[in-house]
C-alpha atoms as a PDB file:
ATOM      1  CA  MET A   1      22.456  -5.782  -6.546  1.00  0.00           C
ATOM      2  CA  GLY A   2      20.414  -8.835  -5.619  1.00  0.00           C
ATOM      3  CA  VAL A   3      20.171 -10.388  -2.174  1.00  0.00           C
ATOM      4  CA  LYS A   4      23.264 -12.582  -2.100  1.00  0.00           C
ATOM      5  CA  ASN A   5      25.450 -12.089   0.991  1.00  0.00           C
ATOM      6  CA  ILE A   6      23.027  -9.554   2.465  1.00  0.00           C
ATOM      7  CA  SER A   7      22.823 -10.070   6.229  1.00  0.00           C
ATOM      8  CA  ASP A   8      19.924  -9.391   8.591  1.00  0.00           C
ATOM      9  CA  CYS A   9      22.129  -8.288  11.481  1.00  0.00           C
ATOM     10  CA  ASN A  10      20.568  -4.841  11.839  1.00  0.00           C
ATOM     11  CA  GLN A  11      16.923  -5.941  11.795  1.00  0.00           C
ATOM     12  CA  PRO A  12      15.072  -3.528  14.144  1.00  0.00           C
ATOM     13  CA  LEU A  13      12.561  -4.500  16.796  1.00  0.00           C
ATOM     14  CA  GLY A  14       8.888  -3.914  16.180  1.00  0.00           C
ATOM     15  CA  ASN A  15       7.637  -0.558  17.438  1.00  0.00           C
ATOM     16  CA  THR A  16       6.541  -0.728  21.066  1.00  0.00           C
ATOM     17  CA  GLY A  17       3.841   1.909  21.301  1.00  0.00           C
ATOM     18  CA  VAL A  18       0.590   0.650  22.885  1.00  0.00           C
ATOM     19  CA  LYS A  19      -2.935   1.857  22.156  1.00  0.00           C
ATOM     20  CA  LYS A  20      -5.822   1.794  24.613  1.00  0.00           C
ATOM     21  CA  CYS A  21      -7.378  -1.017  22.583  1.00  0.00           C
ATOM     22  CA  PHE A  22      -5.069  -3.964  21.944  1.00  0.00           C
ATOM     23  CA  ASN A  23      -5.327  -7.626  21.049  1.00  0.00           C
ATOM     24  CA  ASP A  24      -4.995 -10.263  23.733  1.00  0.00           C
ATOM     25  CA  ILE A  25      -5.364 -14.057  23.742  1.00  0.00           C
ATOM     26  CA  GLY A  26      -7.528 -15.220  26.635  1.00  0.00           C
ATOM     27  CA  ILE A  27      -7.744 -18.609  28.333  1.00  0.00           C
ATOM     28  CA  ILE A  28      -8.471 -21.382  25.832  1.00  0.00           C
ATOM     29  CA  ARG A  29     -12.025 -22.647  26.341  1.00  0.00           C
ATOM     30  CA  ALA A  30     -12.654 -24.661  23.166  1.00  0.00           C
ATOM     31  CA  ILE A  31     -10.904 -26.220  20.186  1.00  0.00           C
ATOM     32  CA  LEU A  32     -12.426 -26.561  16.731  1.00  0.00           C
ATOM     33  CA  PHE A  33     -10.606 -29.330  14.864  1.00  0.00           C
ATOM     34  CA  ALA A  34     -10.850 -28.492  11.165  1.00  0.00           C
ATOM     35  CA  PRO A  35      -9.406 -29.731   7.853  1.00  0.00           C
ATOM     36  CA  ILE A  36      -5.769 -28.707   7.395  1.00  0.00           C
ATOM     37  CA  ASN A  37      -5.362 -25.741   5.002  1.00  0.00           C
ATOM     38  CA  LYS A  38      -9.102 -25.288   4.478  1.00  0.00           C
ATOM     39  CA  THR A  39      -9.952 -21.576   4.454  1.00  0.00           C
ATOM     40  CA  TYR A  40     -13.029 -19.910   5.937  1.00  0.00           C
ATOM     41  CA  THR A  41     -14.411 -16.513   5.022  1.00  0.00           C
ATOM     42  CA  THR A  42     -14.137 -13.533   7.366  1.00  0.00           C
ATOM     43  CA  ALA A  43     -15.958 -11.121   5.048  1.00  0.00           C
ATOM     44  CA  SER A  44     -18.622 -10.828   7.760  1.00  0.00           C
ATOM     45  CA  LEU A  45     -19.395 -12.552  11.020  1.00  0.00           C
ATOM     46  CA  ALA A  46     -22.627 -13.930   9.558  1.00  0.00           C
ATOM     47  CA  ALA A  47     -20.720 -15.469   6.636  1.00  0.00           C
ATOM     48  CA  LEU A  48     -18.145 -17.045   8.956  1.00  0.00           C
ATOM     49  CA  LYS A  49     -20.838 -18.481  11.230  1.00  0.00           C
ATOM     50  CA  THR A  50     -22.561 -19.991   8.211  1.00  0.00           C
ATOM     51  CA  ALA A  51     -19.287 -21.558   7.037  1.00  0.00           C
ATOM     52  CA  LEU A  52     -18.452 -22.954  10.482  1.00  0.00           C
ATOM     53  CA  GLN A  53     -21.922 -24.414  10.992  1.00  0.00           C
ATOM     54  CA  ALA A  54     -21.803 -26.002   7.539  1.00  0.00           C
ATOM     55  CA  GLY A  55     -18.423 -27.459   8.465  1.00  0.00           C
ATOM     56  CA  VAL A  56     -19.806 -29.059  11.626  1.00  0.00           C
ATOM     57  CA  LEU A  57     -22.647 -30.663   9.631  1.00  0.00           C
ATOM     58  CA  GLU A  58     -20.488 -31.664   6.641  1.00  0.00           C
ATOM     59  CA  ASN A  59     -21.548 -35.059   5.256  1.00  0.00           C
ATOM     60  CA  ASN A  60     -17.952 -35.950   4.377  1.00  0.00           C
ATOM     61  CA  PRO A  61     -16.178 -36.666   7.703  1.00  0.00           C
ATOM     62  CA  TYR A  62     -12.784 -35.700   6.241  1.00  0.00           C
ATOM     63  CA  ASN A  63     -14.051 -32.160   5.533  1.00  0.00           C
ATOM     64  CA  ARG A  64     -15.846 -31.756   8.857  1.00  0.00           C
ATOM     65  CA  ILE A  65     -15.240 -29.490  11.877  1.00  0.00           C
ATOM     66  CA  TYR A  66     -15.103 -31.315  15.221  1.00  0.00           C
ATOM     67  CA  PRO A  67     -15.613 -29.015  18.243  1.00  0.00           C
ATOM     68  CA  LEU A  68     -14.098 -29.863  21.631  1.00  0.00           C
ATOM     69  CA  GLN A  69     -16.081 -27.620  23.946  1.00  0.00           C
ATOM     70  CA  ASN A  70     -16.167 -26.473  27.563  1.00  0.00           C
ATOM     71  CA  ILE A  71     -12.513 -26.949  28.445  1.00  0.00           C
ATOM     72  CA  VAL A  72     -12.228 -26.580  32.219  1.00  0.00           C
ATOM     73  CA  LEU A  73      -8.441 -26.687  32.639  1.00  0.00           C
ATOM     74  CA  PRO A  74      -5.756 -25.838  30.080  1.00  0.00           C
ATOM     75  CA  THR A  75      -2.226 -26.727  31.213  1.00  0.00           C
ATOM     76  CA  ASP A  76       0.842 -25.188  29.562  1.00  0.00           C
ATOM     77  CA  ASN A  77       3.627 -27.758  29.121  1.00  0.00           C
ATOM     78  CA  SER A  78       5.428 -25.758  26.445  1.00  0.00           C
ATOM     79  CA  SER A  79       9.176 -26.119  26.131  1.00  0.00           C
ATOM     80  CA  GLU A  80      11.425 -23.233  27.113  1.00  0.00           C
ATOM     81  CA  PRO A  81      13.618 -21.529  24.492  1.00  0.00           C
ATOM     82  CA  THR A  82      16.507 -23.752  23.469  1.00  0.00           C
ATOM     83  CA  SER A  83      20.032 -22.434  23.972  1.00  0.00           C
ATOM     84  CA  GLN A  84      23.705 -23.306  23.910  1.00  0.00           C
ATOM     85  CA  THR A  85      26.107 -22.260  26.686  1.00  0.00           C
ATOM     86  CA  PHE A  86      29.833 -22.092  25.946  1.00  0.00           C
ATOM     87  CA  ALA A  87      32.160 -23.441  28.622  1.00  0.00           C
ATOM     88  CA  GLY A  88      34.938 -21.004  27.720  1.00  0.00           C
ATOM     89  CA  ASP A  89      33.238 -17.801  28.846  1.00  0.00           C
ATOM     90  CA  ASN A  90      29.867 -19.174  30.067  1.00  0.00           C
ATOM     91  CA  SER A  91      28.042 -17.097  27.437  1.00  0.00           C
ATOM     92  CA  THR A  92      24.668 -18.283  26.137  1.00  0.00           C
ATOM     93  CA  VAL A  93      23.200 -18.059  22.645  1.00  0.00           C
ATOM     94  CA  PHE A  94      19.491 -18.755  22.171  1.00  0.00           C
ATOM     95  CA  THR A  95      18.883 -21.142  19.288  1.00  0.00           C
ATOM     96  CA  GLY A  96      15.100 -21.550  19.085  1.00  0.00           C
ATOM     97  CA  GLN A  97      11.714 -20.811  20.612  1.00  0.00           C
ATOM     98  CA  GLY A  98      10.600 -24.333  21.501  1.00  0.00           C
ATOM     99  CA  PHE A  99       7.115 -25.688  20.723  1.00  0.00           C
ATOM    100  CA  TYR A 100       3.761 -24.921  22.280  1.00  0.00           C
ATOM    101  CA  ASN A 101       2.576 -28.014  24.167  1.00  0.00           C
ATOM    102  CA  PHE A 102      -0.806 -27.735  25.862  1.00  0.00           C
ATOM    103  CA  LYS A 103      -2.980 -30.235  27.719  1.00  0.00           C
ATOM    104  CA  PHE A 104      -6.731 -29.545  27.810  1.00  0.00           C
ATOM    105  CA  GLN A 105      -9.111 -31.166  30.317  1.00  0.00           C
ATOM    106  CA  TRP A 106     -12.872 -31.404  29.937  1.00  0.00           C
ATOM    107  CA  VAL A 107     -15.681 -32.900  32.045  1.00  0.00           C
ATOM    108  CA  GLU A 108     -18.809 -32.640  29.902  1.00  0.00           C
ATOM    109  CA  GLY A 109     -18.808 -35.508  27.409  1.00  0.00           C
ATOM    110  CA  GLY A 110     -16.712 -37.740  29.639  1.00  0.00           C
ATOM    111  CA  LEU A 111     -15.744 -41.169  28.345  1.00  0.00           C
ATOM    112  CA  CYS A 112     -17.833 -41.015  25.159  1.00  0.00           C
ATOM    113  CA  LEU A 113     -15.978 -37.909  24.021  1.00  0.00           C
ATOM    114  CA  ALA A 114     -12.614 -39.374  24.989  1.00  0.00           C
ATOM    115  CA  LEU A 115     -13.246 -42.501  22.927  1.00  0.00           C
ATOM    116  CA  ALA A 116     -14.160 -40.367  19.900  1.00  0.00           C
ATOM    117  CA  LEU A 117     -10.991 -38.277  20.177  1.00  0.00           C
ATOM    118  CA  LEU A 118      -8.769 -41.327  20.709  1.00  0.00           C
ATOM    119  CA  ARG A 119      -9.467 -42.325  17.088  1.00  0.00           C
ATOM    120  CA  GLY A 120      -7.309 -39.443  15.879  1.00  0.00           C
ATOM    121  CA  ASN A 121      -4.291 -40.002  18.110  1.00  0.00           C
ATOM    122  CA  SER A 122      -0.771 -39.044  16.995  1.00  0.00           C
ATOM    123  CA  ARG A 123      -2.009 -37.315  13.854  1.00  0.00           C
ATOM    124  CA  ASN A 124      -1.366 -33.836  12.582  1.00  0.00           C
ATOM    125  CA  ARG A 125      -4.637 -31.946  12.826  1.00  0.00           C
ATOM    126  CA  GLY A 126      -5.889 -28.535  11.851  1.00  0.00           C
ATOM    127  CA  PHE A 127      -7.486 -26.591  14.706  1.00  0.00           C
ATOM    128  CA  PHE A 128      -8.853 -23.205  15.728  1.00  0.00           C
ATOM    129  CA  LEU A 129      -8.560 -21.990  19.322  1.00  0.00           C
ATOM    130  CA  VAL A 130     -11.491 -20.321  21.109  1.00  0.00           C
ATOM    131  CA  ASP A 131     -10.592 -18.098  24.067  1.00  0.00           C
ATOM    132  CA  SER A 132     -12.406 -16.796  27.122  1.00  0.00           C
ATOM    133  CA  TYR A 133     -12.965 -13.426  25.425  1.00  0.00           C
ATOM    134  CA  GLY A 134     -15.132 -15.017  22.731  1.00  0.00           C
ATOM    135  CA  GLN A 135     -12.456 -14.857  20.035  1.00  0.00           C
ATOM    136  CA  LEU A 136     -11.605 -17.443  17.380  1.00  0.00           C
ATOM    137  CA  TRP A 137      -7.873 -17.707  16.632  1.00  0.00           C
ATOM    138  CA  GLY A 138      -6.221 -19.210  13.557  1.00  0.00           C
ATOM    139  CA  GLN A 139      -3.792 -18.379  10.766  1.00  0.00           C
ATOM    140  CA  ASN A 140      -4.061 -15.559   8.262  1.00  0.00           C
ATOM    141  CA  ALA A 141      -4.974 -17.035   4.862  1.00  0.00           C
ATOM    142  CA  GLY A 142      -5.253 -13.877   2.795  1.00  0.00           C
ATOM    143  CA  THR A 143      -7.853 -11.162   2.313  1.00  0.00           C
ATOM    144  CA  ASP A 144     -11.013 -11.993   4.309  1.00  0.00           C
ATOM    145  CA  LEU A 145      -9.813 -15.564   4.944  1.00  0.00           C
ATOM    146  CA  ILE A 146      -8.691 -17.529   7.977  1.00  0.00           C
ATOM    147  CA  LYS A 147      -7.387 -21.091   8.240  1.00  0.00           C
ATOM    148  CA  PRO A 148      -6.625 -23.406  11.176  1.00  0.00           C
ATOM    149  CA  PHE A 149      -3.346 -23.849  12.994  1.00  0.00           C
ATOM    150  CA  VAL A 150      -1.616 -27.183  12.350  1.00  0.00           C
ATOM    151  CA  GLY A 151      -0.197 -29.367  15.112  1.00  0.00           C
ATOM    152  CA  ASN A 152       0.020 -32.861  16.539  1.00  0.00           C
ATOM    153  CA  SER A 153      -2.916 -34.146  18.557  1.00  0.00           C
ATOM    154  CA  TYR A 154      -2.906 -36.837  21.224  1.00  0.00           C
ATOM    155  CA  THR A 155      -5.706 -37.792  23.627  1.00  0.00           C
ATOM    156  CA  ASP A 156      -4.674 -39.414  26.895  1.00  0.00           C
ATOM    157  CA  LYS A 157      -6.219 -42.527  28.359  1.00  0.00           C
ATOM    158  CA  PRO A 158      -8.693 -41.502  31.089  1.00  0.00           C
ATOM    159  CA  LYS A 159      -6.989 -40.847  34.416  1.00  0.00           C
ATOM    160  CA  LEU A 160      -9.322 -42.638  36.801  1.00  0.00           C
ATOM    161  CA  SER A 161     -10.436 -40.887  39.967  1.00  0.00           C
ATOM    162  CA  VAL A 162      -9.069 -42.307  43.229  1.00  0.00           C
ATOM    163  CA  GLY A 163     -11.197 -40.332  45.660  1.00  0.00           C
ATOM    164  CA  SER A 164     -14.190 -38.085  46.174  1.00  0.00           C
ATOM    165  CA  ASP A 165     -12.113 -34.937  45.769  1.00  0.00           C
ATOM    166  CA  ALA A 166     -11.593 -35.281  42.000  1.00  0.00           C
ATOM    167  CA  VAL A 167     -13.395 -36.534  38.911  1.00  0.00           C
ATOM    168  CA  THR A 168     -11.907 -38.860  36.313  1.00  0.00           C
ATOM    169  CA  ALA A 169      -9.656 -36.681  34.164  1.00  0.00           C
ATOM    170  CA  TYR A 170     -10.220 -36.630  30.403  1.00  0.00           C
ATOM    171  CA  THR A 171      -7.507 -34.743  28.546  1.00  0.00           C
ATOM    172  CA  THR A 172      -6.229 -34.140  25.047  1.00  0.00           C
ATOM    173  CA  ASN A 173      -2.899 -32.603  23.994  1.00  0.00           C
ATOM    174  CA  LEU A 174      -1.836 -30.273  21.208  1.00  0.00           C
ATOM    175  CA  SER A 175       1.710 -29.428  20.126  1.00  0.00           C
ATOM    176  CA  TRP A 176       2.411 -26.832  17.445  1.00  0.00           C
ATOM    177  CA  ASP A 177       5.119 -24.579  16.090  1.00  0.00           C
ATOM    178  CA  PRO A 178       4.886 -21.071  17.623  1.00  0.00           C
ATOM    179  CA  ILE A 179       5.788 -19.480  14.285  1.00  0.00           C
ATOM    180  CA  GLN A 180       2.107 -19.876  13.450  1.00  0.00           C
ATOM    181  CA  ILE A 181       1.400 -17.276  16.133  1.00  0.00           C
ATOM    182  CA  THR A 182       4.601 -15.252  16.310  1.00  0.00           C
ATOM    183  CA  GLY A 183       5.467 -15.039  12.603  1.00  0.00           C
ATOM    184  CA  PRO A 184       4.850 -11.731  10.799  1.00  0.00           C
ATOM    185  CA  ASP A 185       1.212 -11.507   9.679  1.00  0.00           C
ATOM    186  CA  ASN A 186       0.686 -15.213  10.456  1.00  0.00           C
ATOM    187  CA  LEU A 187      -1.894 -14.803  13.216  1.00  0.00           C
ATOM    188  CA  ALA A 188      -5.561 -14.014  12.610  1.00  0.00           C
ATOM    189  CA  PHE A 189      -8.556 -13.759  14.901  1.00  0.00           C
ATOM    190  CA  VAL A 190     -12.266 -12.985  14.792  1.00  0.00           C
ATOM    191  CA  ASN A 191     -14.047 -11.484  17.783  1.00  0.00           C
ATOM    192  CA  PHE A 192     -17.518 -13.022  18.053  1.00  0.00           C
ATOM    193  CA  ASN A 193     -18.687 -10.232  20.353  1.00  0.00           C
ATOM    194  CA  ILE A 194     -19.049  -7.891  17.355  1.00  0.00           C
ATOM    195  CA  GLU A 195     -22.112  -7.716  15.072  1.00  0.00           C
ATOM    196  CA  ASN A 196     -24.243  -9.430  17.754  1.00  0.00           C
ATOM    197  CA  GLY A 197     -22.206 -12.575  17.180  1.00  0.00           C
ATOM    198  CA  GLY A 198     -22.975 -14.163  20.527  1.00  0.00           C
ATOM    199  CA  GLY A 199     -19.399 -14.186  21.824  1.00  0.00           C
ATOM    200  CA  LEU A 200     -18.142 -17.143  23.821  1.00  0.00           C
ATOM    201  CA  ASN A 201     -21.681 -18.456  24.309  1.00  0.00           C
ATOM    202  CA  TYR A 202     -22.093 -18.975  20.576  1.00  0.00           C
ATOM    203  CA  LEU A 203     -18.680 -20.563  20.088  1.00  0.00           C
ATOM    204  CA  THR A 204     -19.014 -23.003  23.004  1.00  0.00           C
ATOM    205  CA  ASN A 205     -22.753 -23.693  23.300  1.00  0.00           C
ATOM    206  CA  GLN A 206     -24.304 -23.169  19.889  1.00  0.00           C
ATOM    207  CA  LEU A 207     -21.478 -24.525  17.727  1.00  0.00           C
ATOM    208  CA  SER A 208     -21.716 -28.094  18.975  1.00  0.00           C
ATOM    209  CA  GLY A 209     -20.230 -31.280  17.561  1.00  0.00           C
ATOM    210  CA  LEU A 210     -22.228 -34.185  16.179  1.00  0.00           C
ATOM    211  CA  LEU A 211     -23.582 -37.009  18.311  1.00  0.00           C
ATOM    212  CA  ASP A 212     -22.845 -40.575  17.239  1.00  0.00           C
ATOM    213  CA  VAL A 213     -25.930 -42.678  16.573  1.00  0.00           C
ATOM    214  CA  ASN A 214     -25.930 -46.460  16.776  1.00  0.00           C
ATOM    215  CA  ILE A 215     -28.320 -48.210  14.377  1.00  0.00           C
ATOM    216  CA  ASN A 216     -29.681 -51.445  15.833  1.00  0.00           C
ATOM    217  CA  GLN A 217     -31.868 -54.234  14.462  1.00  0.00           C
ATOM    218  CA  SER A 218     -35.243 -54.324  16.231  1.00  0.00           C
ATOM    219  CA  ALA A 219     -36.690 -57.296  14.306  1.00  0.00           C
ATOM    220  CA  ALA A 220     -35.490 -59.843  11.776  1.00  0.00           C
ATOM    221  CA  ARG A 221     -35.134 -58.754   8.166  1.00  0.00           C
ATOM    222  CA  ALA A 222     -37.900 -59.962   5.861  1.00  0.00           C
ATOM    223  CA  GLY A 223     -36.756 -59.644   2.248  1.00  0.00           C
ATOM    224  CA  GLY A 224     -36.387 -55.944   1.532  1.00  0.00           C
ATOM    225  CA  VAL A 225     -38.121 -54.892   4.750  1.00  0.00           C
ATOM    226  CA  LEU A 226     -35.780 -53.782   7.565  1.00  0.00           C
ATOM    227  CA  LYS A 227     -36.753 -53.065  11.166  1.00  0.00           C
ATOM    228  CA  VAL A 228     -34.270 -50.694  12.813  1.00  0.00           C
ATOM    229  CA  GLY A 229     -33.831 -48.422  15.806  1.00  0.00           C
ATOM    230  CA  ALA A 230     -31.458 -45.538  16.515  1.00  0.00           C
ATOM    231  CA  LYS A 231     -29.859 -44.667  19.856  1.00  0.00           C
ATOM    232  CA  THR A 232     -27.268 -42.102  20.905  1.00  0.00           C
ATOM    233  CA  ALA A 233     -25.431 -40.924  24.060  1.00  0.00           C
ATOM    234  CA  CYS A 234     -23.461 -44.176  24.270  1.00  0.00           C
ATOM    235  CA  GLY A 235     -26.593 -46.130  23.364  1.00  0.00           C
ATOM    236  CA  THR A 236     -28.902 -44.816  26.099  1.00  0.00           C
ATOM    237  CA  VAL A 237     -31.163 -42.273  24.348  1.00  0.00           C
ATOM    238  CA  ASN A 238     -33.618 -43.449  21.697  1.00  0.00           C
ATOM    239  CA  LEU A 239     -34.074 -40.988  18.812  1.00  0.00           C
ATOM    240  CA  PHE A 240     -37.588 -42.355  18.333  1.00  0.00           C
ATOM    241  CA  ASP A 241     -38.684 -40.351  21.372  1.00  0.00           C
ATOM    242  CA  ASP A 242     -37.988 -37.012  19.654  1.00  0.00           C
ATOM    243  CA  TYR A 243     -37.806 -37.801  15.935  1.00  0.00           C
ATOM    244  CA  ALA A 244     -40.298 -40.594  15.288  1.00  0.00           C
ATOM    245  CA  ALA A 245     -42.102 -38.673  12.528  1.00  0.00           C
ATOM    246  CA  ALA A 246     -39.135 -36.623  11.307  1.00  0.00           C
ATOM    247  CA  LEU A 247     -37.116 -39.770  10.509  1.00  0.00           C
ATOM    248  CA  ALA A 248     -40.067 -41.594   8.955  1.00  0.00           C
ATOM    249  CA  VAL A 249     -39.181 -40.257   5.494  1.00  0.00           C
ATOM    250  CA  VAL A 250     -37.132 -41.777   2.677  1.00  0.00           C
ATOM    251  CA  GLY A 251     -34.632 -38.896   2.660  1.00  0.00           C
ATOM    252  CA  ALA A 252     -33.591 -39.579   6.254  1.00  0.00           C
ATOM    253  CA  TRP A 253     -31.991 -42.946   5.463  1.00  0.00           C
ATOM    254  CA  ARG A 254     -29.298 -44.460   3.251  1.00  0.00           C
ATOM    255  CA  ALA A 255     -28.902 -48.061   2.116  1.00  0.00           C
ATOM    256  CA  LYS A 256     -25.855 -49.515   0.368  1.00  0.00           C
ATOM    257  CA  THR A 257     -24.211 -52.802  -0.488  1.00  0.00           C
ATOM    258  CA  THR A 258     -21.852 -54.290   2.086  1.00  0.00           C
ATOM    259  CA  THR A 259     -19.359 -55.018  -0.675  1.00  0.00           C
ATOM    260  CA  GLY A 260     -18.434 -51.934  -2.672  1.00  0.00           C
ATOM    261  CA  GLY A 261     -20.807 -49.515  -0.906  1.00  0.00           C
ATOM    262  CA  LEU A 262     -23.122 -49.138  -3.921  1.00  0.00           C
ATOM    263  CA  PRO A 263     -26.387 -47.266  -3.198  1.00  0.00           C
ATOM    264  CA  ILE A 264     -29.677 -49.147  -2.885  1.00  0.00           C
ATOM    265  CA  ALA A 265     -32.921 -47.242  -3.418  1.00  0.00           C
ATOM    266  CA  ILE A 266     -35.399 -46.955  -0.529  1.00  0.00           C
ATOM    267  CA  THR A 267     -39.090 -46.986  -1.411  1.00  0.00           C
ATOM    268  CA  SER A 268     -40.663 -46.115   1.950  1.00  0.00           C
ATOM    269  CA  VAL A 269     -40.055 -45.508   5.652  1.00  0.00           C
ATOM    270  CA  ALA A 270     -42.684 -45.809   8.378  1.00  0.00           C
ATOM    271  CA  GLN A 271     -42.765 -45.472  12.148  1.00  0.00           C
ATOM    272  CA  ASP A 272     -42.630 -48.723  14.095  1.00  0.00           C
ATOM    273  CA  ALA A 273     -44.263 -47.897  17.427  1.00  0.00           C
ATOM    274  CA  THR A 274     -44.099 -51.516  18.592  1.00  0.00           C
ATOM    275  CA  ASN A 275     -40.291 -51.617  18.451  1.00  0.00           C
ATOM    276  CA  LEU A 276     -39.758 -47.859  18.966  1.00  0.00           C
ATOM    277  CA  GLY A 277     -38.022 -47.575  15.613  1.00  0.00           C
ATOM    278  CA  TRP A 278     -38.671 -47.509  11.873  1.00  0.00           C
ATOM    279  CA  THR A 279     -39.578 -49.875   9.078  1.00  0.00           C
ATOM    280  CA  VAL A 280     -37.378 -49.205   6.068  1.00  0.00           C
ATOM    281  CA  THR A 281     -38.420 -50.855   2.813  1.00  0.00           C
ATOM    282  CA  LEU A 282     -35.816 -51.275   0.086  1.00  0.00           C
ATOM    283  CA  ASP A 283     -36.456 -51.393  -3.644  1.00  0.00           C
ATOM    284  CA  THR A 284     -35.929 -55.094  -4.367  1.00  0.00           C
ATOM    285  CA  ALA A 285     -35.869 -54.287  -8.101  1.00  0.00           C
ATOM    286  CA  ASP A 286     -32.754 -52.141  -7.651  1.00  0.00           C
ATOM    287  CA  PRO A 287     -29.862 -53.944  -9.396  1.00  0.00           C
ATOM    288  CA  ASN A 288     -27.688 -53.400  -6.308  1.00  0.00           C
ATOM    289  CA  TYR A 289     -30.161 -55.112  -3.989  1.00  0.00           C
ATOM    290  CA  SER A 290     -29.392 -58.599  -2.683  1.00  0.00           C
ATOM    291  CA  ALA A 291     -31.577 -60.934  -0.652  1.00  0.00           C
ATOM    292  CA  THR A 292     -28.492 -62.497   0.920  1.00  0.00           C
ATOM    293  CA  ALA A 293     -28.247 -61.948   4.679  1.00  0.00           C
ATOM    294  CA  GLY A 294     -25.671 -59.284   5.531  1.00  0.00           C
ATOM    295  CA  ALA A 295     -25.363 -58.089   1.915  1.00  0.00           C
ATOM    296  CA  VAL A 296     -27.023 -54.716   2.528  1.00  0.00           C
ATOM    297  CA  GLN A 297     -26.337 -51.984   5.060  1.00  0.00           C
ATOM    298  CA  ILE A 298     -28.676 -49.344   6.477  1.00  0.00           C
ATOM    299  CA  GLY A 299     -27.913 -46.038   8.212  1.00  0.00           C
ATOM    300  CA  LEU A 300     -29.115 -42.485   8.602  1.00  0.00           C
ATOM    301  CA  ALA A 301     -28.467 -39.911   5.902  1.00  0.00           C
ATOM    302  CA  GLY A 302     -25.490 -37.574   6.355  1.00  0.00           C
ATOM    303  CA  PRO A 303     -25.627 -34.766   8.951  1.00  0.00           C
ATOM    304  CA  ALA A 304     -26.161 -31.988   6.395  1.00  0.00           C
ATOM    305  CA  THR A 305     -28.913 -33.995   4.703  1.00  0.00           C
ATOM    306  CA  LEU A 306     -30.672 -34.643   8.027  1.00  0.00           C
ATOM    307  CA  ALA A 307     -30.481 -30.936   8.889  1.00  0.00           C
ATOM    308  CA  ALA A 308     -32.160 -30.080   5.561  1.00  0.00           C
ATOM    309  CA  LEU A 309     -35.180 -32.369   6.048  1.00  0.00           C
ATOM    310  CA  GLY A 310     -38.678 -30.877   6.125  1.00  0.00           C
ATOM    311  CA  THR A 311     -38.512 -31.349   9.891  1.00  0.00           C
ATOM    312  CA  PRO A 312     -34.787 -30.844  10.558  1.00  0.00           C
ATOM    313  CA  VAL A 313     -32.868 -33.417  12.581  1.00  0.00           C
ATOM    314  CA  VAL A 314     -29.706 -31.523  13.509  1.00  0.00           C
ATOM    315  CA  GLY A 315     -26.475 -32.790  15.011  1.00  0.00           C
ATOM    316  CA  TYR A 316     -26.346 -36.551  14.368  1.00  0.00           C
ATOM    317  CA  GLU A 317     -24.322 -39.077  12.395  1.00  0.00           C
ATOM    318  CA  SER A 318     -24.943 -42.833  12.418  1.00  0.00           C
ATOM    319  CA  ASN A 319     -23.048 -46.001  11.679  1.00  0.00           C
ATOM    320  CA  PHE A 320     -24.233 -48.514   9.048  1.00  0.00           C
ATOM    321  CA  LEU A 321     -25.823 -51.769  10.172  1.00  0.00           C
ATOM    322  CA  ALA A 322     -25.401 -54.883   8.000  1.00  0.00           C
ATOM    323  CA  GLN A 323     -28.673 -56.747   7.337  1.00  0.00           C
END
């Protein structure tokens, strides 16, 4: 018989019975930007938490999860259903659902967070939504798998405060096709209140994004000996205060050539209490090493590598400084 010329005119509604326990999407309190189409296990809450935490600390920035936490004000700017009205009899036919368009405002993180998000403007991004009930929402990706929604992301320029009755407004926008929520079997969620998962507190306070670290030169380079410091929080907090010994190990640092990004071996790292930083000594016998000024670059190891150190340094990623 086949399916040619078979209409869907008599498609029934879904059954409307309601149980005492039903699913509900709460107020959006956080967004986890994630790689498009990457799947995460839901075999157990512990396994999902491990996968999400590994995603936040991923060394490769293109495979990383970027949390936007502590949203204080979500605003729904979604379009209404589209329709056509006929002048002849004034009848209306609905032609589409319209897109979800949400604006999300945060306070914690302020300008530093806004500047980080502005780098990804006008791009399609994958994202999970975290609601006020402690649930993570995404798309069904098969048995025991969940994947992010996909939509367009745009962060606004800061809306400067004009009086004492309001703070400067930092906002980011998401627009996505509602079929990802309303389509049959498209929607998936995980309730973090089960299995002692920590609920909303875990999703918004313990699953935190990385902090940018700025590597600075604290003294002139002398051959293969580099004197560097590391500051975060827009350059105001020195990591030496908390991680002087933890970062005084070879595995905490990476060196590479400025041209081509080839690795350069590091022979030793020591604390530099005078300059509140570290002395990093390169292997001058390494074929990639060059004595030319600016030919080498130095930076911290990747976030996952730092977290795996003997004394873990968790939650940081640095730039590379040319020397």
